[in-house]
């Protein structure tokens, strides 16, 4: 008679690498056009002036300047000015 080990199937699954999400630049930092500002799931931060949204909700700069964070109507907004 044999017994199954507890959690045997769980141990067979591979460990998945992290997706490297989060802020890539901080406030006041200089950026070029096309630089990625934040990688996120959903819109924790919204696009402001000179910032566009990628199809995976990534925010990126459309012109060169410095990054600033603001609150607009209860939402965190990233601008490049």
Protein backbone atom coordinates (compact mmCIF):
# COMPACT_ATOMS: atom_id res chain seq x y z
CA UNK A 1 0.00 0.00 0.00
CA UNK A 2 1.39 3.46 -0.90
CA UNK A 3 0.36 6.93 0.11
CA UNK A 4 0.51 10.17 -1.91
CA UNK A 5 2.68 12.86 -0.44
CA UNK A 6 0.89 16.05 0.58
CA UNK A 7 1.48 18.83 -1.94
CA UNK A 8 3.23 16.55 -4.43
CA UNK A 9 1.66 18.23 -7.47
CA UNK A 10 2.49 21.72 -6.19
CA UNK A 11 6.20 20.91 -5.95
CA UNK A 12 6.32 19.88 -9.62
CA UNK A 13 5.40 23.34 -10.90
CA UNK A 14 8.25 25.59 -12.00
CA UNK A 15 9.05 28.81 -10.16
CA UNK A 16 7.96 31.75 -12.33
CA UNK A 17 10.24 34.78 -12.66
CA UNK A 18 9.01 38.21 -11.49
CA UNK A 19 7.72 40.66 -14.10
CA UNK A 20 9.88 43.65 -13.01
CA UNK A 21 6.89 45.94 -12.44
CA UNK A 22 7.00 49.31 -10.71
CA UNK A 23 8.40 52.81 -11.07
CA UNK A 24 11.42 53.09 -13.37
CA UNK A 25 12.06 56.82 -12.76
CA UNK A 26 11.46 59.07 -9.77
CA UNK A 27 10.07 62.60 -9.52
CA UNK A 28 12.35 65.33 -10.85
CA UNK A 29 14.40 62.90 -12.93
CA UNK A 30 15.21 63.87 -16.54
CA UNK A 31 13.84 61.58 -19.28
CA UNK A 32 14.05 61.31 -23.06
CA UNK A 33 11.11 60.69 -25.41
CA UNK A 34 10.24 56.98 -25.37
CA UNK A 35 11.61 56.28 -21.89
CA UNK A 36 9.47 53.95 -19.79
CA UNK A 37 8.27 55.65 -16.62
CA UNK A 38 6.33 52.85 -14.92
CA UNK A 39 5.30 49.28 -15.64
CA UNK A 40 2.02 48.41 -13.95
CA UNK A 41 -0.96 46.07 -13.93
CA UNK A 42 -4.02 48.26 -14.35
CA UNK A 43 -3.83 52.03 -14.02
CA UNK A 44 -2.46 52.78 -10.56
CA UNK A 45 -0.90 55.87 -12.16
CA UNK A 46 -2.60 57.76 -14.98
CA UNK A 47 -1.00 59.49 -17.97
CA UNK A 48 -0.64 63.26 -17.76
CA UNK A 49 1.05 65.85 -19.95
CA UNK A 50 3.54 64.37 -22.48
CA UNK A 51 2.87 60.80 -21.25
CA UNK A 52 1.13 57.98 -23.15
CA UNK A 53 -0.22 54.57 -22.11
CA UNK A 54 0.97 51.33 -23.69
CA UNK A 55 -1.29 48.33 -24.24
CA UNK A 56 -0.10 46.70 -21.01
CA UNK A 57 -0.77 49.96 -19.05
CA UNK A 58 2.92 50.95 -19.19
CA UNK A 59 3.42 54.73 -19.03
CA UNK A 60 6.09 56.22 -21.27
CA UNK A 61 7.33 59.72 -22.12
CA UNK A 62 6.49 61.32 -25.47
CA UNK A 63 8.92 64.24 -25.12
CA UNK A 64 12.04 65.03 -23.13
CA UNK A 65 11.78 66.79 -19.80
CA UNK A 66 11.55 66.02 -16.09
CA UNK A 67 9.04 63.74 -14.38
CA UNK A 68 6.48 65.10 -11.92
CA UNK A 69 3.72 63.44 -9.91
CA UNK A 70 0.37 65.07 -9.16
CA UNK A 71 -3.03 64.22 -7.68
CA UNK A 72 -5.94 65.09 -9.97
CA UNK A 73 -9.46 64.30 -8.82
CA UNK A 74 -8.23 61.53 -6.52
CA UNK A 75 -5.95 59.88 -9.11
CA UNK A 76 -2.15 59.77 -9.21
CA UNK A 77 -0.99 61.34 -12.47
CA UNK A 78 2.50 61.36 -14.04
CA UNK A 79 3.59 64.35 -16.16
CA UNK A 80 6.73 65.12 -18.15
CA UNK A 81 7.37 68.88 -18.23
